[in-house]
């Protein structure tokens, strides 16, 4: 039995037909799937058109993504916290805390501006090899 995750750490995602006021669970699950797979509204609506399912407005999908994003972010935060704690345990003393860091910025643009303001970064613990930030 896994003892790492306690009941307190479980995230509640409703599985009935409707939760809240007129919020269909299938739309929440679709929002989570879009985030997980990296798809956007156009791709899913093109798929729905091909299999003769009704169109879902972009605003509905965005609201459902935001609803499920909270759960994804909390799990990511817990995972990073666990990795930091493990990195600290494995280091012999505080002076040996080391990490590898890498970052980058997207340079593709619309044809007029190739200096995007968005970027990405990751910090990896040297002794564990796990992402810590």
Protein backbone atom coordinates (compact mmCIF):
# COMPACT_ATOMS: atom_id res chain seq x y z
CA UNK A 1 0.00 0.00 0.00
CA UNK A 2 1.26 3.45 -0.88
CA UNK A 3 1.81 5.49 2.26
CA UNK A 4 3.19 8.59 0.56
CA UNK A 5 -0.24 10.03 -0.33
CA UNK A 6 -2.62 10.52 2.53
CA UNK A 7 -6.35 11.16 2.20
CA UNK A 8 -5.71 14.87 2.83
CA UNK A 9 -3.77 15.13 -0.44
CA UNK A 10 -6.51 13.74 -2.69
CA UNK A 11 -8.13 16.27 -4.99
CA UNK A 12 -11.85 16.10 -5.56
CA UNK A 13 -13.03 16.12 -9.16
CA UNK A 14 -16.76 15.37 -9.36
CA UNK A 15 -17.72 12.33 -11.43
CA UNK A 16 -21.53 12.68 -11.48
CA UNK A 17 -23.45 14.16 -14.38
CA UNK A 18 -23.58 17.77 -13.13
CA UNK A 19 -21.74 19.70 -10.44
CA UNK A 20 -22.35 23.28 -9.45
CA UNK A 21 -24.97 25.19 -11.36
CA UNK A 22 -25.29 23.76 -14.90
CA UNK A 23 -21.66 22.59 -15.04
CA UNK A 24 -21.55 19.27 -16.86
CA UNK A 25 -18.85 16.90 -15.65
CA UNK A 26 -18.00 15.80 -19.18
CA UNK A 27 -16.95 19.38 -19.96
CA UNK A 28 -14.72 19.47 -16.85
CA UNK A 29 -13.15 16.17 -17.88
CA UNK A 30 -12.65 17.51 -21.39
CA UNK A 31 -10.97 20.63 -19.96
CA UNK A 32 -8.58 18.42 -17.98
CA UNK A 33 -7.86 16.31 -21.06
CA UNK A 34 -7.11 19.41 -23.14
CA UNK A 35 -4.61 20.63 -20.54
CA UNK A 36 -3.03 17.20 -20.19
CA UNK A 37 -2.67 16.65 -23.95
CA UNK A 38 -1.77 20.23 -24.84
CA UNK A 39 -4.71 20.65 -27.24
CA UNK A 40 -6.66 23.82 -27.86
CA UNK A 41 -10.29 24.62 -28.60
CA UNK A 42 -9.91 24.50 -32.40
CA UNK A 43 -8.44 20.99 -32.39
CA UNK A 44 -11.17 19.52 -30.19
CA UNK A 45 -13.98 21.21 -32.12
CA UNK A 46 -12.51 19.95 -35.42
CA UNK A 47 -12.54 16.45 -33.94
CA UNK A 48 -16.13 16.91 -32.77
CA UNK A 49 -17.17 18.12 -36.24
CA UNK A 50 -15.58 15.05 -37.82
CA UNK A 51 -17.53 12.68 -35.56
CA UNK A 52 -20.76 14.71 -35.69
CA UNK A 53 -20.76 16.02 -32.11
CA UNK A 54 -21.92 19.54 -31.21
CA UNK A 55 -19.52 22.48 -31.04
CA UNK A 56 -18.32 23.61 -27.58
CA UNK A 57 -17.74 27.37 -27.22
CA UNK A 58 -14.19 28.48 -26.40
CA UNK A 59 -15.41 30.28 -23.26
CA UNK A 60 -16.88 27.05 -21.86
CA UNK A 61 -13.67 25.13 -22.50
CA UNK A 62 -11.55 27.90 -20.96
CA UNK A 63 -13.68 27.96 -17.79
CA UNK A 64 -13.39 24.20 -17.44
CA UNK A 65 -9.61 24.33 -18.03
CA UNK A 66 -9.27 26.91 -15.26
CA UNK A 67 -11.37 24.72 -12.96
CA UNK A 68 -9.14 21.66 -13.45
CA UNK A 69 -5.89 23.63 -13.67
CA UNK A 70 -6.08 24.25 -9.91
CA UNK A 71 -5.82 20.49 -9.29
CA UNK A 72 -2.88 20.06 -11.70
CA UNK A 73 -0.98 22.96 -10.12
CA UNK A 74 -1.51 21.66 -6.57
CA UNK A 75 -0.16 18.23 -7.52
CA UNK A 76 2.84 19.84 -9.25
CA UNK A 77 3.54 21.96 -6.15
CA UNK A 78 3.39 18.89 -3.88
CA UNK A 79 5.70 16.96 -6.20
CA UNK A 80 8.26 19.78 -6.27
CA UNK A 81 8.09 20.12 -2.47
CA UNK A 82 8.75 16.38 -2.11
CA UNK A 83 11.70 16.61 -4.53
CA UNK A 84 13.20 19.55 -2.58
CA UNK A 85 12.87 17.64 0.70
CA UNK A 86 14.53 14.57 -0.83
CA UNK A 87 17.34 16.71 -2.27
CA UNK A 88 17.98 18.21 1.19
CA UNK A 89 18.01 14.75 2.81
CA UNK A 90 20.54 13.40 0.32
CA UNK A 91 22.98 16.30 0.68
CA UNK A 92 25.60 15.74 3.37
CA UNK A 93 25.58 19.35 4.56
CA UNK A 94 23.95 22.63 3.64
CA UNK A 95 26.99 23.91 1.77
CA UNK A 96 26.62 21.13 -0.81
CA UNK A 97 23.14 22.09 -2.05
CA UNK A 98 23.57 22.35 -5.80
CA UNK A 99 21.15 22.41 -8.67
CA UNK A 100 21.25 22.60 -12.43
CA UNK A 101 19.27 25.40 -14.04
CA UNK A 102 18.22 25.96 -17.62
CA UNK A 103 15.89 28.50 -19.20
CA UNK A 104 14.84 29.70 -22.61
CA UNK A 105 12.49 32.02 -24.43
CA UNK A 106 10.40 31.39 -27.48
CA UNK A 107 11.56 33.36 -30.50
CA UNK A 108 8.89 32.58 -33.05
CA UNK A 109 6.44 35.31 -33.74
CA UNK A 110 3.81 36.49 -36.16
CA UNK A 111 6.27 37.79 -38.71
CA UNK A 112 6.59 41.24 -37.18
CA UNK A 113 7.99 40.52 -33.73
CA UNK A 114 10.30 37.62 -32.89
CA UNK A 115 10.95 38.47 -29.23
CA UNK A 116 8.29 36.68 -27.19
CA UNK A 117 7.70 37.61 -23.56
CA UNK A 118 6.95 34.01 -22.60
CA UNK A 119 9.62 31.58 -21.53
CA UNK A 120 10.33 28.43 -19.59
CA UNK A 121 12.79 27.35 -16.93
CA UNK A 122 13.59 24.30 -14.84
CA UNK A 123 15.81 23.61 -11.86
CA UNK A 124 17.02 20.05 -11.29
CA UNK A 125 18.57 18.80 -8.05
CA UNK A 126 22.08 17.50 -8.58
CA UNK A 127 21.87 14.49 -6.24
CA UNK A 128 18.34 13.33 -7.08
CA UNK A 129 18.00 14.40 -10.70
CA UNK A 130 14.44 15.53 -9.97
CA UNK A 131 12.84 18.81 -10.99
CA UNK A 132 12.71 21.01 -7.88
CA UNK A 133 11.36 24.23 -9.39
